[in-house]
Amino acid sequence: MIIEFAGPGAEAARESVAAVTADWGHPADTTASTATVTGPDTKGIDPVAVMSLLLSVPSSALAVADIADRIRKRRRAGELIEQARQLSTEQTTTRLVLADRSVDLATLTPDQLLDLVSDEPPAD
């Protein structure tokens, strides 16, 4: 996900969002906006291990895990949006840059943010 900052407090905004994401265990790469975007880190997956995992976990446990993951992501998205709203009071714009457009982060709800990120095609 790429978040772009514009305005007089852009550097401070970048640092504050990086601090929020670092608390989640995902340190932000705070490179300049001219940096080349690379694909997500991928690791090798053993297909036999994946298949045995899928067969051994009941579907109800998967549903509970999905709900728990969505709740965690929704809370984090809410924190990120709240940070963007606070920054907008300081005349700093925080925008989510997508493949075909950019969206003001402060105007989104947590569910809208999660849907936008999940609909975004993976970078190649």
PDB file of N, CA and C in Angstrom:
ATOM      1  N   MET A   1       0.856  -1.159   0.000  1.00  0.00           N
ATOM      2  CA  MET A   1       0.000   0.000   0.000  1.00  0.00           C
ATOM      3  C   MET A   1       0.902   1.222   0.000  1.00  0.00           C
ATOM      4  N   ILE A   2       0.557   2.200  -0.816  1.00  0.00           N
ATOM      5  CA  ILE A   2       1.313   3.440  -0.890  1.00  0.00           C
ATOM      6  C   ILE A   2       0.452   4.555  -0.320  1.00  0.00           C
ATOM      7  N   ILE A   3       1.020   5.314   0.593  1.00  0.00           N
ATOM      8  CA  ILE A   3       0.341   6.475   1.153  1.00  0.00           C
ATOM      9  C   ILE A   3       1.206   7.683   0.830  1.00  0.00           C
ATOM     10  N   GLU A   4       0.602   8.679   0.219  1.00  0.00           N
ATOM     11  CA  GLU A   4       1.322   9.871  -0.199  1.00  0.00           C
ATOM     12  C   GLU A   4       0.935  11.035   0.702  1.00  0.00           C
ATOM     13  N   PHE A   5       1.911  11.851   1.083  1.00  0.00           N
ATOM     14  CA  PHE A   5       1.671  13.000   1.940  1.00  0.00           C
ATOM     15  C   PHE A   5       2.017  14.262   1.163  1.00  0.00           C
ATOM     16  N   ALA A   6       1.170  15.278   1.280  1.00  0.00           N
ATOM     17  CA  ALA A   6       1.427  16.553   0.625  1.00  0.00           C
ATOM     18  C   ALA A   6       1.048  17.668   1.578  1.00  0.00           C
ATOM     19  N   GLY A   7       1.833  18.710   1.576  1.00  0.00           N
ATOM     20  CA  GLY A   7       1.530  19.854   2.425  1.00  0.00           C
ATOM     21  C   GLY A   7       2.730  20.218   3.266  1.00  0.00           C
ATOM     22  N   PRO A   8       2.585  21.281   4.043  1.00  0.00           N
ATOM     23  CA  PRO A   8       3.734  21.760   4.812  1.00  0.00           C
ATOM     24  C   PRO A   8       4.213  20.794   5.889  1.00  0.00           C
ATOM     25  N   GLY A   9       3.340  19.942   6.395  1.00  0.00           N
ATOM     26  CA  GLY A   9       3.742  19.003   7.437  1.00  0.00           C
ATOM     27  C   GLY A   9       3.926  17.595   6.917  1.00  0.00           C
ATOM     28  N   ALA A  10       4.281  17.429   5.647  1.00  0.00           N
ATOM     29  CA  ALA A  10       4.357  16.104   5.032  1.00  0.00           C
ATOM     30  C   ALA A  10       5.385  15.207   5.719  1.00  0.00           C
ATOM     31  N   GLU A  11       6.545  15.771   6.053  1.00  0.00           N
ATOM     32  CA  GLU A  11       7.591  14.948   6.675  1.00  0.00           C
ATOM     33  C   GLU A  11       7.164  14.487   8.066  1.00  0.00           C
ATOM     34  N   ALA A  12       6.571  15.380   8.841  1.00  0.00           N
ATOM     35  CA  ALA A  12       6.093  15.012  10.173  1.00  0.00           C
ATOM     36  C   ALA A  12       4.957  13.995  10.061  1.00  0.00           C
ATOM     37  N   ALA A  13       4.102  14.163   9.054  1.00  0.00           N
ATOM     38  CA  ALA A  13       3.008  13.213   8.841  1.00  0.00           C
ATOM     39  C   ALA A  13       3.547  11.842   8.505  1.00  0.00           C
ATOM     40  N   ARG A  14       4.567  11.782   7.646  1.00  0.00           N
ATOM     41  CA  ARG A  14       5.181  10.517   7.259  1.00  0.00           C
ATOM     42  C   ARG A  14       5.731   9.805   8.492  1.00  0.00           C
ATOM     43  N   GLU A  15       6.391  10.578   9.366  1.00  0.00           N
ATOM     44  CA  GLU A  15       6.962   9.984  10.577  1.00  0.00           C
ATOM     45  C   GLU A  15       5.885   9.492  11.544  1.00  0.00           C
ATOM     46  N   SER A  16       4.777  10.243  11.672  1.00  0.00           N
ATOM     47  CA  SER A  16       3.730   9.826  12.606  1.00  0.00           C
ATOM     48  C   SER A  16       3.014   8.575  12.114  1.00  0.00           C
ATOM     49  N   VAL A  17       2.779   8.457  10.807  1.00  0.00           N
ATOM     50  CA  VAL A  17       2.151   7.251  10.266  1.00  0.00           C
ATOM     51  C   VAL A  17       3.118   6.077  10.374  1.00  0.00           C
ATOM     52  N   ALA A  18       4.406   6.327  10.168  1.00  0.00           N
ATOM     53  CA  ALA A  18       5.398   5.259  10.318  1.00  0.00           C
ATOM     54  C   ALA A  18       5.427   4.752  11.757  1.00  0.00           C
ATOM     55  N   ALA A  19       5.245   5.651  12.714  1.00  0.00           N
ATOM     56  CA  ALA A  19       5.214   5.236  14.127  1.00  0.00           C
ATOM     57  C   ALA A  19       3.990   4.378  14.412  1.00  0.00           C
ATOM     58  N   VAL A  20       2.845   4.728  13.818  1.00  0.00           N
ATOM     59  CA  VAL A  20       1.619   3.943  14.018  1.00  0.00           C
ATOM     60  C   VAL A  20       1.788   2.551  13.445  1.00  0.00           C
ATOM     61  N   THR A  21       2.304   2.451  12.220  1.00  0.00           N
ATOM     62  CA  THR A  21       2.449   1.137  11.593  1.00  0.00           C
ATOM     63  C   THR A  21       3.544   0.313  12.263  1.00  0.00           C
ATOM     64  N   ALA A  22       4.548   0.967  12.830  1.00  0.00           N
ATOM     65  CA  ALA A  22       5.597   0.226  13.541  1.00  0.00           C
ATOM     66  C   ALA A  22       5.026  -0.450  14.782  1.00  0.00           C
ATOM     67  N   ASP A  23       4.030   0.190  15.421  1.00  0.00           N
ATOM     68  CA  ASP A  23       3.379  -0.421  16.579  1.00  0.00           C
ATOM     69  C   ASP A  23       2.656  -1.710  16.191  1.00  0.00           C
ATOM     70  N   TRP A  24       2.279  -1.840  14.941  1.00  0.00           N
ATOM     71  CA  TRP A  24       1.582  -3.035  14.462  1.00  0.00           C
ATOM     72  C   TRP A  24       2.564  -4.141  14.075  1.00  0.00           C
ATOM     73  N   GLY A  25       3.860  -3.836  14.105  1.00  0.00           N
ATOM     74  CA  GLY A  25       4.843  -4.822  13.682  1.00  0.00           C
ATOM     75  C   GLY A  25       5.132  -4.761  12.198  1.00  0.00           C
ATOM     76  N   HIS A  26       4.713  -3.686  11.539  1.00  0.00           N
ATOM     77  CA  HIS A  26       4.960  -3.497  10.117  1.00  0.00           C
ATOM     78  C   HIS A  26       5.645  -2.158   9.906  1.00  0.00           C
ATOM     79  N   PRO A  27       6.969  -2.116   9.995  1.00  0.00           N
ATOM     80  CA  PRO A  27       7.639  -0.834   9.830  1.00  0.00           C
ATOM     81  C   PRO A  27       7.420  -0.297   8.413  1.00  0.00           C
ATOM     82  N   ALA A  28       7.220   0.997   8.325  1.00  0.00           N
ATOM     83  CA  ALA A  28       6.946   1.632   7.040  1.00  0.00           C
ATOM     84  C   ALA A  28       8.242   1.945   6.327  1.00  0.00           C
ATOM     85  N   ASP A  29       8.216   1.814   5.028  1.00  0.00           N
ATOM     86  CA  ASP A  29       9.319   2.245   4.188  1.00  0.00           C
ATOM     87  C   ASP A  29       9.005   3.679   3.802  1.00  0.00           C
ATOM     88  N   THR A  30       9.706   4.638   4.370  1.00  0.00           N
ATOM     89  CA  THR A  30       9.378   6.037   4.179  1.00  0.00           C
ATOM     90  C   THR A  30      10.236   6.656   3.092  1.00  0.00           C
ATOM     91  N   THR A  31      10.284   6.011   1.944  1.00  0.00           N
ATOM     92  CA  THR A  31      11.044   6.552   0.835  1.00  0.00           C
ATOM     93  C   THR A  31      10.273   7.675   0.175  1.00  0.00           C
ATOM     94  N   ALA A  32      10.961   8.441  -0.625  1.00  0.00           N
ATOM     95  CA  ALA A  32      10.337   9.546  -1.337  1.00  0.00           C
ATOM     96  C   ALA A  32       9.337   9.020  -2.355  1.00  0.00           C
ATOM     97  N   SER A  33       8.432   9.872  -2.800  1.00  0.00           N
ATOM     98  CA  SER A  33       7.367   9.447  -3.695  1.00  0.00           C
ATOM     99  C   SER A  33       7.874   9.061  -5.078  1.00  0.00           C
ATOM    100  N   THR A  34       9.136   9.337  -5.406  1.00  0.00           N
ATOM    101  CA  THR A  34       9.673   8.962  -6.704  1.00  0.00           C
ATOM    102  C   THR A  34      10.229   7.545  -6.715  1.00  0.00           C
ATOM    103  N   ALA A  35      10.162   6.849  -5.590  1.00  0.00           N
ATOM    104  CA  ALA A  35      10.695   5.491  -5.494  1.00  0.00           C
ATOM    105  C   ALA A  35       9.875   4.533  -6.349  1.00  0.00           C
ATOM    106  N   THR A  36      10.542   3.509  -6.856  1.00  0.00           N
ATOM    107  CA  THR A  36       9.870   2.504  -7.647  1.00  0.00           C
ATOM    108  C   THR A  36       9.164   1.526  -6.733  1.00  0.00           C
ATOM    109  N   VAL A  37       7.932   1.224  -7.060  1.00  0.00           N
ATOM    110  CA  VAL A  37       7.156   0.290  -6.261  1.00  0.00           C
ATOM    111  C   VAL A  37       7.478  -1.119  -6.725  1.00  0.00           C
ATOM    112  N   THR A  38       7.771  -1.992  -5.770  1.00  0.00           N
ATOM    113  CA  THR A  38       8.063  -3.383  -6.102  1.00  0.00           C
ATOM    114  C   THR A  38       6.934  -4.260  -5.621  1.00  0.00           C
ATOM    115  N   GLY A  39       6.935  -5.482  -6.064  1.00  0.00           N
ATOM    116  CA  GLY A  39       5.891  -6.426  -5.670  1.00  0.00           C
ATOM    117  C   GLY A  39       6.027  -6.815  -4.216  1.00  0.00           C
ATOM    118  N   PRO A  40       4.999  -7.416  -3.674  1.00  0.00           N
ATOM    119  CA  PRO A  40       5.055  -7.825  -2.264  1.00  0.00           C
ATOM    120  C   PRO A  40       6.090  -8.932  -2.066  1.00  0.00           C
ATOM    121  N   ASP A  41       6.649  -8.946  -0.865  1.00  0.00           N
ATOM    122  CA  ASP A  41       7.598 -10.012  -0.550  1.00  0.00           C
ATOM    123  C   ASP A  41       6.874 -11.353  -0.632  1.00  0.00           C
ATOM    124  N   THR A  42       7.457 -12.256  -1.366  1.00  0.00           N
ATOM    125  CA  THR A  42       6.845 -13.574  -1.488  1.00  0.00           C
ATOM    126  C   THR A  42       7.835 -14.601  -0.978  1.00  0.00           C
ATOM    127  N   LYS A  43       7.311 -15.642  -0.381  1.00  0.00           N
ATOM    128  CA  LYS A  43       8.135 -16.725   0.115  1.00  0.00           C
ATOM    129  C   LYS A  43       7.646 -18.000  -0.541  1.00  0.00           C
ATOM    130  N   GLY A  44       8.520 -18.953  -0.640  1.00  0.00           N
ATOM    131  CA  GLY A  44       8.131 -20.220  -1.224  1.00  0.00           C
ATOM    132  C   GLY A  44       7.107 -20.928  -0.353  1.00  0.00           C
ATOM    133  N   ILE A  45       6.116 -21.536  -0.981  1.00  0.00           N
ATOM    134  CA  ILE A  45       5.076 -22.239  -0.252  1.00  0.00           C
ATOM    135  C   ILE A  45       5.117 -23.701  -0.659  1.00  0.00           C
ATOM    136  N   ASP A  46       5.151 -24.567   0.338  1.00  0.00           N
ATOM    137  CA  ASP A  46       5.134 -25.996   0.080  1.00  0.00           C
ATOM    138  C   ASP A  46       3.693 -26.424  -0.166  1.00  0.00           C
ATOM    139  N   PRO A  47       3.337 -26.830  -1.397  1.00  0.00           N
ATOM    140  CA  PRO A  47       1.948 -27.174  -1.695  1.00  0.00           C
ATOM    141  C   PRO A  47       1.415 -28.336  -0.862  1.00  0.00           C
ATOM    142  N   VAL A  48       2.263 -29.304  -0.523  1.00  0.00           N
ATOM    143  CA  VAL A  48       1.809 -30.435   0.289  1.00  0.00           C
ATOM    144  C   VAL A  48       1.446 -29.961   1.691  1.00  0.00           C
ATOM    145  N   ALA A  49       2.248 -29.077   2.250  1.00  0.00           N
ATOM    146  CA  ALA A  49       1.964 -28.552   3.589  1.00  0.00           C
ATOM    147  C   ALA A  49       0.679 -27.730   3.581  1.00  0.00           C
ATOM    148  N   VAL A  50       0.497 -26.936   2.539  1.00  0.00           N
ATOM    149  CA  VAL A  50      -0.722 -26.124   2.444  1.00  0.00           C
ATOM    150  C   VAL A  50      -1.946 -27.022   2.334  1.00  0.00           C
ATOM    151  N   MET A  51      -1.871 -28.046   1.513  1.00  0.00           N
ATOM    152  CA  MET A  51      -3.015 -28.936   1.327  1.00  0.00           C
ATOM    153  C   MET A  51      -3.342 -29.688   2.614  1.00  0.00           C
ATOM    154  N   SER A  52      -2.322 -30.152   3.323  1.00  0.00           N
ATOM    155  CA  SER A  52      -2.600 -30.856   4.580  1.00  0.00           C
ATOM    156  C   SER A  52      -3.181 -29.910   5.623  1.00  0.00           C
ATOM    157  N   LEU A  53      -2.738 -28.656   5.609  1.00  0.00           N
ATOM    158  CA  LEU A  53      -3.300 -27.672   6.524  1.00  0.00           C
ATOM    159  C   LEU A  53      -4.768 -27.411   6.198  1.00  0.00           C
ATOM    160  N   LEU A  54      -5.088 -27.253   4.936  1.00  0.00           N
ATOM    161  CA  LEU A  54      -6.472 -27.011   4.532  1.00  0.00           C
ATOM    162  C   LEU A  54      -7.384 -28.181   4.882  1.00  0.00           C
ATOM    163  N   LEU A  55      -6.867 -29.383   4.742  1.00  0.00           N
ATOM    164  CA  LEU A  55      -7.693 -30.549   5.050  1.00  0.00           C
ATOM    165  C   LEU A  55      -7.842 -30.793   6.543  1.00  0.00           C
ATOM    166  N   SER A  56      -6.897 -30.314   7.333  1.00  0.00           N
ATOM    167  CA  SER A  56      -6.950 -30.590   8.770  1.00  0.00           C
ATOM    168  C   SER A  56      -7.710 -29.534   9.571  1.00  0.00           C
ATOM    169  N   VAL A  57      -7.951 -28.373   8.981  1.00  0.00           N
ATOM    170  CA  VAL A  57      -8.622 -27.295   9.716  1.00  0.00           C
ATOM    171  C   VAL A  57     -10.088 -27.249   9.314  1.00  0.00           C
ATOM    172  N   PRO A  58     -10.980 -27.413  10.269  1.00  0.00           N
ATOM    173  CA  PRO A  58     -12.404 -27.342   9.935  1.00  0.00           C
ATOM    174  C   PRO A  58     -12.777 -25.950   9.433  1.00  0.00           C
ATOM    175  N   SER A  59     -13.782 -25.907   8.602  1.00  0.00           N
ATOM    176  CA  SER A  59     -14.178 -24.637   8.001  1.00  0.00           C
ATOM    177  C   SER A  59     -14.639 -23.617   9.039  1.00  0.00           C
ATOM    178  N   SER A  60     -15.187 -24.073  10.129  1.00  0.00           N
ATOM    179  CA  SER A  60     -15.618 -23.120  11.162  1.00  0.00           C
ATOM    180  C   SER A  60     -14.422 -22.408  11.791  1.00  0.00           C
ATOM    181  N   ALA A  61     -13.324 -23.120  11.967  1.00  0.00           N
ATOM    182  CA  ALA A  61     -12.127 -22.490  12.522  1.00  0.00           C
ATOM    183  C   ALA A  61     -11.570 -21.462  11.549  1.00  0.00           C
ATOM    184  N   LEU A  62     -11.638 -21.747  10.265  1.00  0.00           N
ATOM    185  CA  LEU A  62     -11.190 -20.786   9.261  1.00  0.00           C
ATOM    186  C   LEU A  62     -12.065 -19.536   9.277  1.00  0.00           C
ATOM    187  N   ALA A  63     -13.367 -19.730   9.426  1.00  0.00           N
ATOM    188  CA  ALA A  63     -14.268 -18.580   9.470  1.00  0.00           C
ATOM    189  C   ALA A  63     -13.973 -17.699  10.672  1.00  0.00           C
ATOM    190  N   VAL A  64     -13.714 -18.301  11.812  1.00  0.00           N
ATOM    191  CA  VAL A  64     -13.389 -17.533  13.013  1.00  0.00           C
ATOM    192  C   VAL A  64     -12.076 -16.783  12.813  1.00  0.00           C
ATOM    193  N   ALA A  65     -11.103 -17.420  12.213  1.00  0.00           N
ATOM    194  CA  ALA A  65      -9.820 -16.766  11.958  1.00  0.00           C
ATOM    195  C   ALA A  65      -9.991 -15.593  11.003  1.00  0.00           C
ATOM    196  N   ASP A  66     -10.826 -15.764   9.972  1.00  0.00           N
ATOM    197  CA  ASP A  66     -11.076 -14.683   9.021  1.00  0.00           C
ATOM    198  C   ASP A  66     -11.745 -13.495   9.709  1.00  0.00           C
ATOM    199  N   ILE A  67     -12.689 -13.770  10.579  1.00  0.00           N
ATOM    200  CA  ILE A  67     -13.375 -12.696  11.293  1.00  0.00           C
ATOM    201  C   ILE A  67     -12.404 -11.973  12.223  1.00  0.00           C
ATOM    202  N   ALA A  68     -11.587 -12.731  12.926  1.00  0.00           N
ATOM    203  CA  ALA A  68     -10.606 -12.125  13.834  1.00  0.00           C
ATOM    204  C   ALA A  68      -9.609 -11.271  13.059  1.00  0.00           C
ATOM    205  N   ASP A  69      -9.177 -11.763  11.897  1.00  0.00           N
ATOM    206  CA  ASP A  69      -8.243 -11.012  11.061  1.00  0.00           C
ATOM    207  C   ASP A  69      -8.894  -9.724  10.560  1.00  0.00           C
ATOM    208  N   ARG A  70     -10.140  -9.805  10.137  1.00  0.00           N
ATOM    209  CA  ARG A  70     -10.863  -8.619   9.650  1.00  0.00           C
ATOM    210  C   ARG A  70     -11.024  -7.595  10.767  1.00  0.00           C
ATOM    211  N   ILE A  71     -11.327  -8.050  11.983  1.00  0.00           N
ATOM    212  CA  ILE A  71     -11.477  -7.129  13.116  1.00  0.00           C
ATOM    213  C   ILE A  71     -10.155  -6.424  13.402  1.00  0.00           C
ATOM    214  N   ARG A  72      -9.066  -7.176  13.384  1.00  0.00           N
ATOM    215  CA  ARG A  72      -7.743  -6.593  13.634  1.00  0.00           C
ATOM    216  C   ARG A  72      -7.386  -5.579  12.550  1.00  0.00           C
ATOM    217  N   LYS A  73      -7.629  -5.949  11.291  1.00  0.00           N
ATOM    218  CA  LYS A  73      -7.328  -5.028  10.191  1.00  0.00           C
ATOM    219  C   LYS A  73      -8.226  -3.794  10.233  1.00  0.00           C
ATOM    220  N   ARG A  74      -9.480  -3.981  10.618  1.00  0.00           N
ATOM    221  CA  ARG A  74     -10.415  -2.861  10.686  1.00  0.00           C
ATOM    222  C   ARG A  74      -9.980  -1.876  11.771  1.00  0.00           C
ATOM    223  N   ARG A  75      -9.525  -2.398  12.911  1.00  0.00           N
ATOM    224  CA  ARG A  75      -9.035  -1.527  13.985  1.00  0.00           C
ATOM    225  C   ARG A  75      -7.817  -0.738  13.519  1.00  0.00           C
ATOM    226  N   ARG A  76      -6.913  -1.412  12.831  1.00  0.00           N
ATOM    227  CA  ARG A  76      -5.718  -0.738  12.327  1.00  0.00           C
ATOM    228  C   ARG A  76      -6.077   0.303  11.266  1.00  0.00           C
ATOM    229  N   ALA A  77      -7.005  -0.031  10.390  1.00  0.00           N
ATOM    230  CA  ALA A  77      -7.452   0.924   9.372  1.00  0.00           C
ATOM    231  C   ALA A  77      -8.079   2.147  10.037  1.00  0.00           C
ATOM    232  N   GLY A  78      -8.859   1.926  11.093  1.00  0.00           N
ATOM    233  CA  GLY A  78      -9.457   3.032  11.829  1.00  0.00           C
ATOM    234  C   GLY A  78      -8.399   3.933  12.446  1.00  0.00           C
ATOM    235  N   GLU A  79      -7.338   3.338  12.987  1.00  0.00           N
ATOM    236  CA  GLU A  79      -6.247   4.124  13.564  1.00  0.00           C
ATOM    237  C   GLU A  79      -5.556   4.950  12.485  1.00  0.00           C
ATOM    238  N   LEU A  80      -5.329   4.344  11.332  1.00  0.00           N
ATOM    239  CA  LEU A  80      -4.663   5.039  10.233  1.00  0.00           C
ATOM    240  C   LEU A  80      -5.523   6.196   9.720  1.00  0.00           C
ATOM    241  N   ILE A  81      -6.822   5.968   9.593  1.00  0.00           N
ATOM    242  CA  ILE A  81      -7.739   7.019   9.139  1.00  0.00           C
ATOM    243  C   ILE A  81      -7.812   8.144  10.170  1.00  0.00           C
ATOM    244  N   GLU A  82      -7.862   7.796  11.441  1.00  0.00           N
ATOM    245  CA  GLU A  82      -7.888   8.818  12.494  1.00  0.00           C
ATOM    246  C   GLU A  82      -6.613   9.657  12.454  1.00  0.00           C
ATOM    247  N   GLN A  83      -5.490   9.020  12.210  1.00  0.00           N
ATOM    248  CA  GLN A  83      -4.218   9.746  12.085  1.00  0.00           C
ATOM    249  C   GLN A  83      -4.287  10.701  10.895  1.00  0.00           C
ATOM    250  N   ALA A  84      -4.859  10.249   9.782  1.00  0.00           N
ATOM    251  CA  ALA A  84      -4.998  11.104   8.604  1.00  0.00           C
ATOM    252  C   ALA A  84      -5.917  12.284   8.888  1.00  0.00           C
ATOM    253  N   ARG A  85      -6.976  12.057   9.639  1.00  0.00           N
ATOM    254  CA  ARG A  85      -7.895  13.150   9.985  1.00  0.00           C
ATOM    255  C   ARG A  85      -7.212  14.183  10.882  1.00  0.00           C
ATOM    256  N   GLN A  86      -6.405  13.720  11.816  1.00  0.00           N
ATOM    257  CA  GLN A  86      -5.669  14.648  12.669  1.00  0.00           C
ATOM    258  C   GLN A  86      -4.678  15.462  11.853  1.00  0.00           C
ATOM    259  N   LEU A  87      -4.034  14.808  10.891  1.00  0.00           N
ATOM    260  CA  LEU A  87      -3.073  15.513  10.052  1.00  0.00           C
ATOM    261  C   LEU A  87      -3.762  16.518   9.138  1.00  0.00           C
ATOM    262  N   SER A  88      -5.008  16.222   8.731  1.00  0.00           N
ATOM    263  CA  SER A  88      -5.714  17.155   7.852  1.00  0.00           C
ATOM    264  C   SER A  88      -6.029  18.464   8.568  1.00  0.00           C
ATOM    265  N   THR A  89      -6.152  18.443   9.893  1.00  0.00           N
ATOM    266  CA  THR A  89      -6.362  19.684  10.640  1.00  0.00           C
ATOM    267  C   THR A  89      -5.098  20.534  10.652  1.00  0.00           C
ATOM    268  N   GLU A  90      -3.953  19.908  10.353  1.00  0.00           N
ATOM    269  CA  GLU A  90      -2.671  20.621  10.291  1.00  0.00           C
ATOM    270  C   GLU A  90      -2.312  20.975   8.853  1.00  0.00           C
ATOM    271  N   GLN A  91      -3.301  20.970   7.956  1.00  0.00           N
ATOM    272  CA  GLN A  91      -3.125  21.330   6.548  1.00  0.00           C
ATOM    273  C   GLN A  91      -2.227  20.359   5.797  1.00  0.00           C
ATOM    274  N   THR A  92      -2.238  19.093   6.198  1.00  0.00           N
ATOM    275  CA  THR A  92      -1.477  18.049   5.514  1.00  0.00           C
ATOM    276  C   THR A  92      -2.462  17.045   4.928  1.00  0.00           C
ATOM    277  N   THR A  93      -2.307  16.771   3.641  1.00  0.00           N
ATOM    278  CA  THR A  93      -3.190  15.833   2.961  1.00  0.00           C
ATOM    279  C   THR A  93      -2.551  14.462   2.946  1.00  0.00           C
ATOM    280  N   THR A  94      -3.316  13.447   3.296  1.00  0.00           N
ATOM    281  CA  THR A  94      -2.856  12.058   3.289  1.00  0.00           C
ATOM    282  C   THR A  94      -3.710  11.311   2.276  1.00  0.00           C
ATOM    283  N   ARG A  95      -3.069  10.806   1.211  1.00  0.00           N
ATOM    284  CA  ARG A  95      -3.809  10.156   0.133  1.00  0.00           C
ATOM    285  C   ARG A  95      -3.325   8.728  -0.040  1.00  0.00           C
ATOM    286  N   LEU A  96      -4.266   7.835  -0.304  1.00  0.00           N
ATOM    287  CA  LEU A  96      -3.971   6.443  -0.627  1.00  0.00           C
ATOM    288  C   LEU A  96      -3.834   6.369  -2.138  1.00  0.00           C
ATOM    289  N   VAL A  97      -2.666   5.952  -2.611  1.00  0.00           N
ATOM    290  CA  VAL A  97      -2.395   5.905  -4.051  1.00  0.00           C
ATOM    291  C   VAL A  97      -2.691   4.502  -4.546  1.00  0.00           C
ATOM    292  N   LEU A  98      -3.658   4.402  -5.465  1.00  0.00           N
ATOM    293  CA  LEU A  98      -4.047   3.133  -6.068  1.00  0.00           C
ATOM    294  C   LEU A  98      -3.555   3.100  -7.503  1.00  0.00           C
ATOM    295  N   ALA A  99      -3.722   1.983  -8.182  1.00  0.00           N
ATOM    296  CA  ALA A  99      -3.239   1.849  -9.546  1.00  0.00           C
ATOM    297  C   ALA A  99      -3.920   2.828 -10.497  1.00  0.00           C
ATOM    298  N   ASP A 100      -5.214   3.092 -10.294  1.00  0.00           N
ATOM    299  CA  ASP A 100      -5.946   3.927 -11.237  1.00  0.00           C
ATOM    300  C   ASP A 100      -6.383   5.281 -10.679  1.00  0.00           C
ATOM    301  N   ARG A 101      -6.185   5.524  -9.384  1.00  0.00           N
ATOM    302  CA  ARG A 101      -6.597   6.788  -8.791  1.00  0.00           C
ATOM    303  C   ARG A 101      -5.966   6.924  -7.413  1.00  0.00           C
ATOM    304  N   SER A 102      -6.193   8.087  -6.808  1.00  0.00           N
ATOM    305  CA  SER A 102      -5.784   8.266  -5.415  1.00  0.00           C
ATOM    306  C   SER A 102      -6.988   8.790  -4.642  1.00  0.00           C
ATOM    307  N   VAL A 103      -7.048   8.434  -3.356  1.00  0.00           N
ATOM    308  CA  VAL A 103      -8.202   8.742  -2.516  1.00  0.00           C
ATOM    309  C   VAL A 103      -7.707   9.398  -1.237  1.00  0.00           C
ATOM    310  N   ASP A 104      -8.423  10.448  -0.803  1.00  0.00           N
ATOM    311  CA  ASP A 104      -8.090  11.102   0.458  1.00  0.00           C
ATOM    312  C   ASP A 104      -8.389  10.135   1.597  1.00  0.00           C
ATOM    313  N   LEU A 105      -7.379   9.775   2.347  1.00  0.00           N
ATOM    314  CA  LEU A 105      -7.505   8.774   3.402  1.00  0.00           C
ATOM    315  C   LEU A 105      -8.442   9.237   4.516  1.00  0.00           C
ATOM    316  N   ALA A 106      -8.485  10.527   4.770  1.00  0.00           N
ATOM    317  CA  ALA A 106      -9.302  11.053   5.869  1.00  0.00           C
ATOM    318  C   ALA A 106     -10.792  10.938   5.591  1.00  0.00           C
ATOM    319  N   THR A 107     -11.190  10.732   4.330  1.00  0.00           N
ATOM    320  CA  THR A 107     -12.613  10.669   3.990  1.00  0.00           C
ATOM    321  C   THR A 107     -13.155   9.247   3.993  1.00  0.00           C
ATOM    322  N   LEU A 108     -12.309   8.263   4.211  1.00  0.00           N
ATOM    323  CA  LEU A 108     -12.734   6.869   4.143  1.00  0.00           C
ATOM    324  C   LEU A 108     -13.183   6.341   5.502  1.00  0.00           C
ATOM    325  N   THR A 109     -13.986   5.295   5.466  1.00  0.00           N
ATOM    326  CA  THR A 109     -14.292   4.530   6.670  1.00  0.00           C
ATOM    327  C   THR A 109     -13.322   3.351   6.703  1.00  0.00           C
ATOM    328  N   PRO A 110     -13.145   2.696   7.837  1.00  0.00           N
ATOM    329  CA  PRO A 110     -12.248   1.535   7.881  1.00  0.00           C
ATOM    330  C   PRO A 110     -12.637   0.446   6.876  1.00  0.00           C
ATOM    331  N   ASP A 111     -13.926   0.190   6.717  1.00  0.00           N
ATOM    332  CA  ASP A 111     -14.351  -0.838   5.768  1.00  0.00           C
ATOM    333  C   ASP A 111     -14.043  -0.433   4.331  1.00  0.00           C
ATOM    334  N   GLN A 112     -14.229   0.836   3.999  1.00  0.00           N
ATOM    335  CA  GLN A 112     -13.907   1.299   2.651  1.00  0.00           C
ATOM    336  C   GLN A 112     -12.419   1.151   2.366  1.00  0.00           C
ATOM    337  N   LEU A 113     -11.584   1.475   3.348  1.00  0.00           N
ATOM    338  CA  LEU A 113     -10.141   1.338   3.179  1.00  0.00           C
ATOM    339  C   LEU A 113      -9.759  -0.119   2.956  1.00  0.00           C
ATOM    340  N   LEU A 114     -10.302  -1.018   3.760  1.00  0.00           N
ATOM    341  CA  LEU A 114      -9.987  -2.439   3.602  1.00  0.00           C
ATOM    342  C   LEU A 114     -10.459  -2.958   2.244  1.00  0.00           C
ATOM    343  N   ASP A 115     -11.632  -2.514   1.785  1.00  0.00           N
ATOM    344  CA  ASP A 115     -12.132  -2.945   0.476  1.00  0.00           C
ATOM    345  C   ASP A 115     -11.254  -2.414  -0.649  1.00  0.00           C
ATOM    346  N   LEU A 116     -10.804  -1.161  -0.552  1.00  0.00           N
ATOM    347  CA  LEU A 116      -9.934  -0.601  -1.582  1.00  0.00           C
ATOM    348  C   LEU A 116      -8.615  -1.361  -1.656  1.00  0.00           C
ATOM    349  N   VAL A 117      -8.048  -1.657  -0.501  1.00  0.00           N
ATOM    350  CA  VAL A 117      -6.766  -2.372  -0.475  1.00  0.00           C
ATOM    351  C   VAL A 117      -6.924  -3.802  -0.999  1.00  0.00           C
ATOM    352  N   SER A 118      -8.021  -4.452  -0.642  1.00  0.00           N
ATOM    353  CA  SER A 118      -8.207  -5.836  -1.095  1.00  0.00           C
ATOM    354  C   SER A 118      -8.544  -5.914  -2.577  1.00  0.00           C
ATOM    355  N   ASP A 119      -9.162  -4.868  -3.138  1.00  0.00           N
ATOM    356  CA  ASP A 119      -9.477  -4.842  -4.565  1.00  0.00           C
ATOM    357  C   ASP A 119      -8.290  -4.474  -5.434  1.00  0.00           C
ATOM    358  N   GLU A 120      -7.247  -3.939  -4.831  1.00  0.00           N
ATOM    359  CA  GLU A 120      -6.069  -3.500  -5.584  1.00  0.00           C
ATOM    360  C   GLU A 120      -5.310  -4.713  -6.111  1.00  0.00           C
ATOM    361  N   PRO A 121      -5.023  -4.743  -7.420  1.00  0.00           N
ATOM    362  CA  PRO A 121      -4.275  -5.875  -7.960  1.00  0.00           C
ATOM    363  C   PRO A 121      -2.842  -5.855  -7.435  1.00  0.00           C
ATOM    364  N   PRO A 122      -2.247  -7.005  -7.233  1.00  0.00           N
ATOM    365  CA  PRO A 122      -0.872  -7.052  -6.729  1.00  0.00           C
ATOM    366  C   PRO A 122       0.087  -6.414  -7.725  1.00  0.00           C
ATOM    367  N   ALA A 123       1.063  -5.690  -7.221  1.00  0.00           N
ATOM    368  CA  ALA A 123       2.069  -5.054  -8.074  1.00  0.00           C
ATOM    369  C   ALA A 123       3.012  -6.115  -8.619  1.00  0.00           C
ATOM    370  N   ASP A 124       3.339  -5.995  -9.881  1.00  0.00           N
ATOM    371  CA  ASP A 124       4.254  -6.957 -10.512  1.00  0.00           C
ATOM    372  C   ASP A 124       5.633  -6.400 -10.655  1.00  0.00           C
TER     373      ASP A 124
END
